[in-house]
Structures are given as C-alpha cells and as structure tokens.
Amino acid sequence: MSKKNIVIFGSNDHSKVVFSEIIKHKDYNIVGFVDDFCKKGKKIITYKNKNYYNLGTIKNFIKKEKDKKKKEKKNYNNILGIIGVGFGYIRRKIVKEISKLDKNFKWEKIISKDSVINGNFKVGEGSLIMSGVVINTQTKIGKHCIINTSSSIDHDNYFKDYSSCAPGVITGGNVTVGENSYLGIGCVVKHGIKIGNNTVIGGKSFVNNKCDNNSVYYGLPAKKIKKRKENENYLI
C-alpha cells in the first residue's frame, strides 16, 4: 500500500508538534511545510537524518499542485493537508484562503497512536488529537480542532469547528465548546456546561456556569473578565 502524501501549513512551534504525531503513522509521507512568512527552502526540522523544508507560500504551492494534477491526471497522487497553527482564527483564515484557490483540496485528520478513544466518536477533517488524550463515547470534534496533550474529554462533548484545548484540560460529560473557542492549560469544565463562540478560558480555571460568546473567563470558579475580538491572540 502506497503512503499518503501530506503537507503541514505553518512552520512555527506547533507545526513541529503536528509533525511529531504524523511521523508515528507509517502510512504518511510528509512532503514538507508551507508558510507565507518563512523563506522558501528554509529547513524547518530534521528527523532521522532527513531534512524537511518550507515549500513556499500557500498561493504558489496550491497552484503548483493544481498544475501537476492537470498534467498527470489519473496518475496524480493528491496531497492532503493539515494546519500546524495553534490559533483557531488563523486556522480558519488558512482554510478559507485555500478553499478559494482549490475548492477540492483535501484535509486530513490526525489521531495520535498514543490516544485512547472509547466508543462512538466523530472527528472532522483537519483536526488533531494529540498524545495522551482520552475521549469518551458519543463525543464529536468538529473541523480543524486541536485536542492537546493529555486532555480528558468525557462523553457527549461537542467541540465546534476551529475550537481547541491546551494540554491537560478536563471536561465533564455533555460539554459544548463554541466555534473558535479555547480552553487554557489545565482548566476543568463541569458537566453540562456550554461555552460560547470565540471565548477563551484561562489556564487552571474551573468553569461551573455557562460562558457567553466573545469573552474571556478565568478563576476558581471562572468569572467573565472582559469581552474579546475575534482576532485577538490568546497564544502569547
């Protein structure tokens, strides 16, 4: 069986974590990285004496791949993509840009070989489940989400598109995390809680009440601290 070719969009620290999860799967060939803000040809990472480089900008990469597909037709082996960027707002921007350039571009979902998935579980395209994660039955993870290292996601959770959690997050059952929202490192979310869209929960917080859209919460228990803009960076 031939390996699936995959490219990582982004080349900063999180992209290398994504790389480390993909490389565990023997059925992938990592072609390289694509980053508009990095010089083409720059070495991003070395693994087992093999170097992996930035392949250029999104626009140039997608154009090159579309041209190759037209030329080789049925013999063309499509390249899959996954985004190595921690900030959900930027992941969504990258998806929109690529969709305009190639509406048929395919996204891969990566589930760590070192995670534990129990029962019926759904995960959307472009999402990443990291090492040490435990996810219980009937949970749904949307598109382009990140469930980070050693998080415990209980039954019947719903992480909407572009949402993510930092390492060590714990959620009870029936928790909903809104689109483009983020659970900070080590926070705990009580059973049945709904967190709105574009909302950030600070690290080590305990969430025991519903959280509004476009807001920042933190504390024990978590309290609303301020409103936030959609593009306001929380990974600083």
C-alpha atoms as a PDB file:
ATOM      1  CA  MET A   1       0.000   0.000   0.000  1.00  0.00           C
ATOM      2  CA  SER A   2       1.450   3.376  -1.015  1.00  0.00           C
ATOM      3  CA  LYS A   3       1.885   6.098   1.559  1.00  0.00           C
ATOM      4  CA  LYS A   4      -0.366   9.155   1.642  1.00  0.00           C
ATOM      5  CA  ASN A   5       1.403  12.425   0.945  1.00  0.00           C
ATOM      6  CA  ILE A   6       0.704  15.158   3.486  1.00  0.00           C
ATOM      7  CA  VAL A   7       1.833  18.765   3.932  1.00  0.00           C
ATOM      8  CA  ILE A   8       1.750  20.881   7.095  1.00  0.00           C
ATOM      9  CA  PHE A   9       0.605  24.512   6.769  1.00  0.00           C
ATOM     10  CA  GLY A  10       2.615  26.680   9.150  1.00  0.00           C
ATOM     11  CA  SER A  11       6.198  26.221  10.319  1.00  0.00           C
ATOM     12  CA  ASN A  12       6.406  27.519  13.887  1.00  0.00           C
ATOM     13  CA  ASP A  13       6.495  25.522  17.126  1.00  0.00           C
ATOM     14  CA  HIS A  14       3.038  23.942  16.913  1.00  0.00           C
ATOM     15  CA  SER A  15       3.720  22.681  13.396  1.00  0.00           C
ATOM     16  CA  LYS A  16       6.606  20.622  14.769  1.00  0.00           C
ATOM     17  CA  VAL A  17       4.272  19.038  17.320  1.00  0.00           C
ATOM     18  CA  VAL A  18       1.925  18.140  14.468  1.00  0.00           C
ATOM     19  CA  PHE A  19       4.920  16.682  12.612  1.00  0.00           C
ATOM     20  CA  SER A  20       5.816  14.538  15.637  1.00  0.00           C
ATOM     21  CA  GLU A  21       2.330  12.996  15.660  1.00  0.00           C
ATOM     22  CA  ILE A  22       2.163  12.350  11.915  1.00  0.00           C
ATOM     23  CA  ILE A  23       5.594  10.712  11.817  1.00  0.00           C
ATOM     24  CA  LYS A  24       4.361   7.982  14.188  1.00  0.00           C
ATOM     25  CA  HIS A  25       1.946   6.813  11.486  1.00  0.00           C
ATOM     26  CA  LYS A  26       3.797   4.678   8.967  1.00  0.00           C
ATOM     27  CA  ASP A  27       1.259   5.314   6.173  1.00  0.00           C
ATOM     28  CA  TYR A  28       2.174   9.010   5.662  1.00  0.00           C
ATOM     29  CA  ASN A  29       4.896  10.678   3.644  1.00  0.00           C
ATOM     30  CA  ILE A  30       5.441  14.213   4.984  1.00  0.00           C
ATOM     31  CA  VAL A  31       6.219  16.339   1.926  1.00  0.00           C
ATOM     32  CA  GLY A  32       7.163  19.442   3.916  1.00  0.00           C
ATOM     33  CA  PHE A  33       5.783  22.671   5.335  1.00  0.00           C
ATOM     34  CA  VAL A  34       4.033  25.635   3.674  1.00  0.00           C
ATOM     35  CA  ASP A  35       4.308  29.074   5.270  1.00  0.00           C
ATOM     36  CA  ASP A  36       3.783  32.537   3.754  1.00  0.00           C
ATOM     37  CA  PHE A  37       6.004  34.110   6.416  1.00  0.00           C
ATOM     38  CA  CYS A  38       9.011  31.841   6.037  1.00  0.00           C
ATOM     39  CA  LYS A  39      11.642  31.807   3.295  1.00  0.00           C
ATOM     40  CA  LYS A  40      11.165  29.088   0.698  1.00  0.00           C
ATOM     41  CA  GLY A  41      13.730  26.346   1.180  1.00  0.00           C
ATOM     42  CA  LYS A  42      14.351  27.050   4.865  1.00  0.00           C
ATOM     43  CA  LYS A  43      14.943  23.891   6.896  1.00  0.00           C
ATOM     44  CA  ILE A  44      12.171  23.505   9.471  1.00  0.00           C
ATOM     45  CA  ILE A  45      13.031  20.219  11.161  1.00  0.00           C
ATOM     46  CA  THR A  46      15.359  17.215  10.891  1.00  0.00           C
ATOM     47  CA  TYR A  47      14.170  13.702  11.729  1.00  0.00           C
ATOM     48  CA  LYS A  48      16.314  10.570  11.403  1.00  0.00           C
ATOM     49  CA  ASN A  49      18.865  12.407   9.260  1.00  0.00           C
ATOM     50  CA  LYS A  50      16.188  13.667   6.850  1.00  0.00           C
ATOM     51  CA  ASN A  51      15.543  17.405   6.487  1.00  0.00           C
ATOM     52  CA  TYR A  52      12.090  18.871   5.944  1.00  0.00           C
ATOM     53  CA  TYR A  53      11.786  22.318   4.356  1.00  0.00           C
ATOM     54  CA  ASN A  54       9.380  25.173   3.742  1.00  0.00           C
ATOM     55  CA  LEU A  55       7.932  24.628   0.260  1.00  0.00           C
ATOM     56  CA  GLY A  56       6.914  28.273  -0.263  1.00  0.00           C
ATOM     57  CA  THR A  57       3.735  30.310   0.038  1.00  0.00           C
ATOM     58  CA  ILE A  58       0.212  28.903   0.108  1.00  0.00           C
ATOM     59  CA  LYS A  59      -0.671  30.505  -3.225  1.00  0.00           C
ATOM     60  CA  ASN A  60       2.371  29.176  -5.066  1.00  0.00           C
ATOM     61  CA  PHE A  61       2.134  25.720  -3.502  1.00  0.00           C
ATOM     62  CA  ILE A  62      -1.555  25.238  -4.335  1.00  0.00           C
ATOM     63  CA  LYS A  63      -1.030  26.498  -7.909  1.00  0.00           C
ATOM     64  CA  LYS A  64       1.878  24.088  -8.399  1.00  0.00           C
ATOM     65  CA  GLU A  65      -0.148  21.149  -7.114  1.00  0.00           C
ATOM     66  CA  LYS A  66      -3.166  22.025  -9.287  1.00  0.00           C
ATOM     67  CA  ASP A  67      -0.928  22.251 -12.362  1.00  0.00           C
ATOM     68  CA  LYS A  68       0.613  18.894 -11.509  1.00  0.00           C
ATOM     69  CA  LYS A  69      -2.837  17.349 -11.133  1.00  0.00           C
ATOM     70  CA  LYS A  70      -3.919  18.585 -14.573  1.00  0.00           C
ATOM     71  CA  LYS A  71      -0.747  17.295 -16.194  1.00  0.00           C
ATOM     72  CA  GLU A  72      -0.647  13.864 -14.578  1.00  0.00           C
ATOM     73  CA  LYS A  73      -4.433  13.386 -14.427  1.00  0.00           C
ATOM     74  CA  LYS A  74      -5.363   9.956 -13.049  1.00  0.00           C
ATOM     75  CA  ASN A  75      -1.797   9.156 -12.051  1.00  0.00           C
ATOM     76  CA  TYR A  76      -1.640  12.179  -9.761  1.00  0.00           C
ATOM     77  CA  ASN A  77      -1.401  11.353  -6.056  1.00  0.00           C
ATOM     78  CA  ASN A  78      -3.296  14.084  -4.211  1.00  0.00           C
ATOM     79  CA  ILE A  79      -1.543  15.786  -1.328  1.00  0.00           C
ATOM     80  CA  LEU A  80      -3.500  16.018   1.905  1.00  0.00           C
ATOM     81  CA  GLY A  81      -3.139  18.931   4.298  1.00  0.00           C
ATOM     82  CA  ILE A  82      -3.266  19.697   7.993  1.00  0.00           C
ATOM     83  CA  ILE A  83      -2.699  23.059   9.677  1.00  0.00           C
ATOM     84  CA  GLY A  84       0.110  23.375  12.196  1.00  0.00           C
ATOM     85  CA  VAL A  85      -1.101  26.632  13.787  1.00  0.00           C
ATOM     86  CA  GLY A  86      -2.396  26.834  17.349  1.00  0.00           C
ATOM     87  CA  PHE A  87      -4.576  29.951  16.918  1.00  0.00           C
ATOM     88  CA  GLY A  88      -8.060  28.966  15.688  1.00  0.00           C
ATOM     89  CA  TYR A  89      -8.718  32.284  13.959  1.00  0.00           C
ATOM     90  CA  ILE A  90      -5.614  31.793  11.784  1.00  0.00           C
ATOM     91  CA  ARG A  91      -6.537  28.174  11.028  1.00  0.00           C
ATOM     92  CA  ARG A  92      -9.877  29.390   9.723  1.00  0.00           C
ATOM     93  CA  LYS A  93      -8.184  32.074   7.582  1.00  0.00           C
ATOM     94  CA  ILE A  94      -5.875  29.476   6.040  1.00  0.00           C
ATOM     95  CA  VAL A  95      -8.794  27.164   5.234  1.00  0.00           C
ATOM     96  CA  LYS A  96     -10.714  29.995   3.558  1.00  0.00           C
ATOM     97  CA  GLU A  97      -7.683  31.043   1.516  1.00  0.00           C
ATOM     98  CA  ILE A  98      -7.006  27.520   0.289  1.00  0.00           C
ATOM     99  CA  SER A  99     -10.697  26.922  -0.475  1.00  0.00           C
ATOM    100  CA  LYS A 100     -10.644  29.939  -2.798  1.00  0.00           C
ATOM    101  CA  LEU A 101      -7.557  28.621  -4.578  1.00  0.00           C
ATOM    102  CA  ASP A 102      -8.710  24.997  -4.772  1.00  0.00           C
ATOM    103  CA  LYS A 103     -12.212  24.078  -3.617  1.00  0.00           C
ATOM    104  CA  ASN A 104     -11.341  20.383  -3.902  1.00  0.00           C
ATOM    105  CA  PHE A 105      -8.307  20.451  -1.605  1.00  0.00           C
ATOM    106  CA  LYS A 106      -8.474  17.597   0.909  1.00  0.00           C
ATOM    107  CA  TRP A 107      -7.771  17.910   4.625  1.00  0.00           C
ATOM    108  CA  GLU A 108      -6.574  15.033   6.780  1.00  0.00           C
ATOM    109  CA  LYS A 109      -7.459  14.347  10.413  1.00  0.00           C
ATOM    110  CA  ILE A 110      -4.677  13.021  12.648  1.00  0.00           C
ATOM    111  CA  ILE A 111      -5.471  10.922  15.718  1.00  0.00           C
ATOM    112  CA  SER A 112      -2.397  10.094  17.791  1.00  0.00           C
ATOM    113  CA  LYS A 113      -1.483   6.449  18.106  1.00  0.00           C
ATOM    114  CA  ASP A 114      -0.944   7.256  21.790  1.00  0.00           C
ATOM    115  CA  SER A 115      -4.504   8.488  22.435  1.00  0.00           C
ATOM    116  CA  VAL A 116      -7.451   6.470  23.810  1.00  0.00           C
ATOM    117  CA  ILE A 117     -10.790   6.724  22.023  1.00  0.00           C
ATOM    118  CA  ASN A 118     -13.727   4.975  23.684  1.00  0.00           C
ATOM    119  CA  GLY A 119     -16.973   4.043  21.929  1.00  0.00           C
ATOM    120  CA  ASN A 120     -18.726   6.019  19.212  1.00  0.00           C
ATOM    121  CA  PHE A 121     -16.699   9.113  18.290  1.00  0.00           C
ATOM    122  CA  LYS A 122     -16.700  11.564  15.383  1.00  0.00           C
ATOM    123  CA  VAL A 123     -13.907  13.892  14.316  1.00  0.00           C
ATOM    124  CA  GLY A 124     -13.959  16.415  11.457  1.00  0.00           C
ATOM    125  CA  GLU A 125     -11.417  16.985   8.716  1.00  0.00           C
ATOM    126  CA  GLY A 126      -8.231  18.803   9.611  1.00  0.00           C
ATOM    127  CA  SER A 127      -8.487  18.081  13.339  1.00  0.00           C
ATOM    128  CA  LEU A 128      -5.650  16.841  15.544  1.00  0.00           C
ATOM    129  CA  ILE A 129      -5.912  14.571  18.582  1.00  0.00           C
ATOM    130  CA  MET A 130      -2.610  14.576  20.498  1.00  0.00           C
ATOM    131  CA  SER A 131      -0.697  12.035  22.602  1.00  0.00           C
ATOM    132  CA  GLY A 132      -2.195  11.016  25.933  1.00  0.00           C
ATOM    133  CA  VAL A 133      -5.689  12.291  25.110  1.00  0.00           C
ATOM    134  CA  VAL A 134      -8.676  10.268  26.336  1.00  0.00           C
ATOM    135  CA  ILE A 135     -12.028  10.832  24.596  1.00  0.00           C
ATOM    136  CA  ASN A 136     -15.199   9.077  25.706  1.00  0.00           C
ATOM    137  CA  THR A 137     -18.173   7.830  23.746  1.00  0.00           C
ATOM    138  CA  GLN A 138     -20.615   9.993  21.762  1.00  0.00           C
ATOM    139  CA  THR A 139     -18.211  12.939  21.651  1.00  0.00           C
ATOM    140  CA  LYS A 140     -17.975  14.973  18.457  1.00  0.00           C
ATOM    141  CA  ILE A 141     -14.926  17.002  17.459  1.00  0.00           C
ATOM    142  CA  GLY A 142     -15.562  19.463  14.607  1.00  0.00           C
ATOM    143  CA  LYS A 143     -13.313  20.553  11.743  1.00  0.00           C
ATOM    144  CA  HIS A 144      -9.779  21.900  12.299  1.00  0.00           C
ATOM    145  CA  CYS A 145      -9.872  21.476  16.077  1.00  0.00           C
ATOM    146  CA  ILE A 146      -6.970  20.672  18.414  1.00  0.00           C
ATOM    147  CA  ILE A 147      -7.334  18.401  21.439  1.00  0.00           C
ATOM    148  CA  ASN A 148      -3.963  18.817  23.064  1.00  0.00           C
ATOM    149  CA  THR A 149      -1.643  16.564  25.045  1.00  0.00           C
ATOM    150  CA  SER A 150      -3.087  14.522  27.955  1.00  0.00           C
ATOM    151  CA  SER A 151      -6.524  16.145  27.893  1.00  0.00           C
ATOM    152  CA  SER A 152      -9.528  14.155  29.138  1.00  0.00           C
ATOM    153  CA  ILE A 153     -12.745  14.753  27.189  1.00  0.00           C
ATOM    154  CA  ASP A 154     -15.722  12.913  28.637  1.00  0.00           C
ATOM    155  CA  HIS A 155     -18.861  11.555  26.964  1.00  0.00           C
ATOM    156  CA  ASP A 156     -21.211  13.553  24.713  1.00  0.00           C
ATOM    157  CA  ASN A 157     -18.951  16.585  24.326  1.00  0.00           C
ATOM    158  CA  TYR A 158     -19.127  18.777  21.236  1.00  0.00           C
ATOM    159  CA  PHE A 159     -16.123  20.832  20.206  1.00  0.00           C
ATOM    160  CA  LYS A 160     -17.282  23.055  17.345  1.00  0.00           C
ATOM    161  CA  ASP A 161     -15.130  23.942  14.307  1.00  0.00           C
ATOM    162  CA  TYR A 162     -11.779  25.669  14.983  1.00  0.00           C
ATOM    163  CA  SER A 163     -12.065  25.234  18.747  1.00  0.00           C
ATOM    164  CA  SER A 164      -9.168  23.848  20.755  1.00  0.00           C
ATOM    165  CA  CYS A 165      -7.855  22.996  24.171  1.00  0.00           C
ATOM    166  CA  ALA A 166      -4.397  23.265  25.683  1.00  0.00           C
ATOM    167  CA  PRO A 167      -2.623  20.342  27.400  1.00  0.00           C
ATOM    168  CA  GLY A 168      -4.179  18.822  30.493  1.00  0.00           C
ATOM    169  CA  VAL A 169      -7.757  20.059  30.051  1.00  0.00           C
ATOM    170  CA  ILE A 170     -10.546  18.055  31.715  1.00  0.00           C
ATOM    171  CA  THR A 171     -14.190  18.259  30.655  1.00  0.00           C
ATOM    172  CA  GLY A 172     -17.187  16.533  32.197  1.00  0.00           C
ATOM    173  CA  GLY A 173     -19.952  14.998  30.119  1.00  0.00           C
ATOM    174  CA  ASN A 174     -22.241  16.965  27.788  1.00  0.00           C
ATOM    175  CA  VAL A 175     -19.911  19.954  27.473  1.00  0.00           C
ATOM    176  CA  THR A 176     -20.145  22.183  24.386  1.00  0.00           C
ATOM    177  CA  VAL A 177     -17.218  24.346  23.283  1.00  0.00           C
ATOM    178  CA  GLY A 178     -18.145  27.035  20.743  1.00  0.00           C
ATOM    179  CA  GLU A 179     -16.529  27.740  17.387  1.00  0.00           C
ATOM    180  CA  ASN A 180     -13.064  29.314  17.604  1.00  0.00           C
ATOM    181  CA  SER A 181     -13.051  28.998  21.398  1.00  0.00           C
ATOM    182  CA  TYR A 182     -10.113  27.875  23.516  1.00  0.00           C
ATOM    183  CA  LEU A 183      -9.719  26.085  26.849  1.00  0.00           C
ATOM    184  CA  GLY A 184      -6.470  27.104  28.568  1.00  0.00           C
ATOM    185  CA  ILE A 185      -3.889  24.741  30.017  1.00  0.00           C
ATOM    186  CA  GLY A 186      -5.136  22.545  32.846  1.00  0.00           C
ATOM    187  CA  CYS A 187      -8.618  24.067  33.091  1.00  0.00           C
ATOM    188  CA  VAL A 188     -11.615  21.992  34.214  1.00  0.00           C
ATOM    189  CA  VAL A 189     -15.133  22.299  32.789  1.00  0.00           C
ATOM    190  CA  LYS A 190     -18.071  20.982  34.806  1.00  0.00           C
ATOM    191  CA  HIS A 191     -20.596  18.516  33.343  1.00  0.00           C
ATOM    192  CA  GLY A 192     -23.261  20.083  31.103  1.00  0.00           C
ATOM    193  CA  ILE A 193     -21.574  23.465  30.596  1.00  0.00           C
ATOM    194  CA  LYS A 194     -21.916  25.395  27.324  1.00  0.00           C
ATOM    195  CA  ILE A 195     -19.096  27.723  26.282  1.00  0.00           C
ATOM    196  CA  GLY A 196     -19.940  30.295  23.615  1.00  0.00           C
ATOM    197  CA  ASN A 197     -18.197  31.054  20.327  1.00  0.00           C
ATOM    198  CA  ASN A 198     -14.876  32.929  20.257  1.00  0.00           C
ATOM    199  CA  THR A 199     -14.405  32.600  24.002  1.00  0.00           C
ATOM    200  CA  VAL A 200     -11.189  31.911  25.935  1.00  0.00           C
ATOM    201  CA  ILE A 201     -10.955  30.146  29.287  1.00  0.00           C
ATOM    202  CA  GLY A 202      -7.781  30.927  31.242  1.00  0.00           C
ATOM    203  CA  GLY A 203      -5.401  28.218  32.397  1.00  0.00           C
ATOM    204  CA  LYS A 204      -6.215  26.317  35.623  1.00  0.00           C
ATOM    205  CA  SER A 205      -9.719  27.794  35.722  1.00  0.00           C
ATOM    206  CA  PHE A 206     -12.798  25.878  36.917  1.00  0.00           C
ATOM    207  CA  VAL A 207     -15.849  26.530  34.725  1.00  0.00           C
ATOM    208  CA  ASN A 208     -19.144  25.811  36.503  1.00  0.00           C
ATOM    209  CA  ASN A 209     -21.504  28.144  34.620  1.00  0.00           C
ATOM    210  CA  LYS A 210     -22.415  28.903  31.018  1.00  0.00           C
ATOM    211  CA  CYS A 211     -19.956  31.225  29.236  1.00  0.00           C
ATOM    212  CA  ASP A 212     -21.004  33.965  26.795  1.00  0.00           C
ATOM    213  CA  ASN A 213     -19.742  34.473  23.244  1.00  0.00           C
ATOM    214  CA  ASN A 214     -16.735  36.729  22.575  1.00  0.00           C
ATOM    215  CA  SER A 215     -15.451  36.746  26.134  1.00  0.00           C
ATOM    216  CA  VAL A 216     -12.507  35.888  28.386  1.00  0.00           C
ATOM    217  CA  TYR A 217     -13.063  33.915  31.609  1.00  0.00           C
ATOM    218  CA  TYR A 218     -10.694  32.746  34.297  1.00  0.00           C
ATOM    219  CA  GLY A 219     -10.523  31.951  38.001  1.00  0.00           C
ATOM    220  CA  LEU A 220     -11.787  29.473  40.617  1.00  0.00           C
ATOM    221  CA  PRO A 221     -14.608  29.487  39.739  1.00  0.00           C
ATOM    222  CA  ALA A 222     -14.180  31.140  36.340  1.00  0.00           C
ATOM    223  CA  LYS A 223     -15.645  34.628  36.013  1.00  0.00           C
ATOM    224  CA  LYS A 224     -16.088  36.836  32.977  1.00  0.00           C
ATOM    225  CA  ILE A 225     -13.159  39.249  32.810  1.00  0.00           C
ATOM    226  CA  LYS A 226     -13.692  41.083  29.545  1.00  0.00           C
ATOM    227  CA  LYS A 227     -15.025  40.951  26.013  1.00  0.00           C
ATOM    228  CA  ARG A 228     -12.685  39.851  23.225  1.00  0.00           C
ATOM    229  CA  LYS A 229     -12.388  40.405  19.495  1.00  0.00           C
ATOM    230  CA  GLU A 230     -12.439  37.502  17.080  1.00  0.00           C
ATOM    231  CA  ASN A 231      -8.821  38.018  16.006  1.00  0.00           C
ATOM    232  CA  GLU A 232      -7.419  38.743  19.478  1.00  0.00           C
ATOM    233  CA  ASN A 233      -4.494  36.401  20.071  1.00  0.00           C
ATOM    234  CA  TYR A 234      -4.632  34.202  23.160  1.00  0.00           C
ATOM    235  CA  LEU A 235      -1.432  32.250  22.423  1.00  0.00           C
ATOM    236  CA  ILE A 236       1.013  34.808  23.777  1.00  0.00           C
END
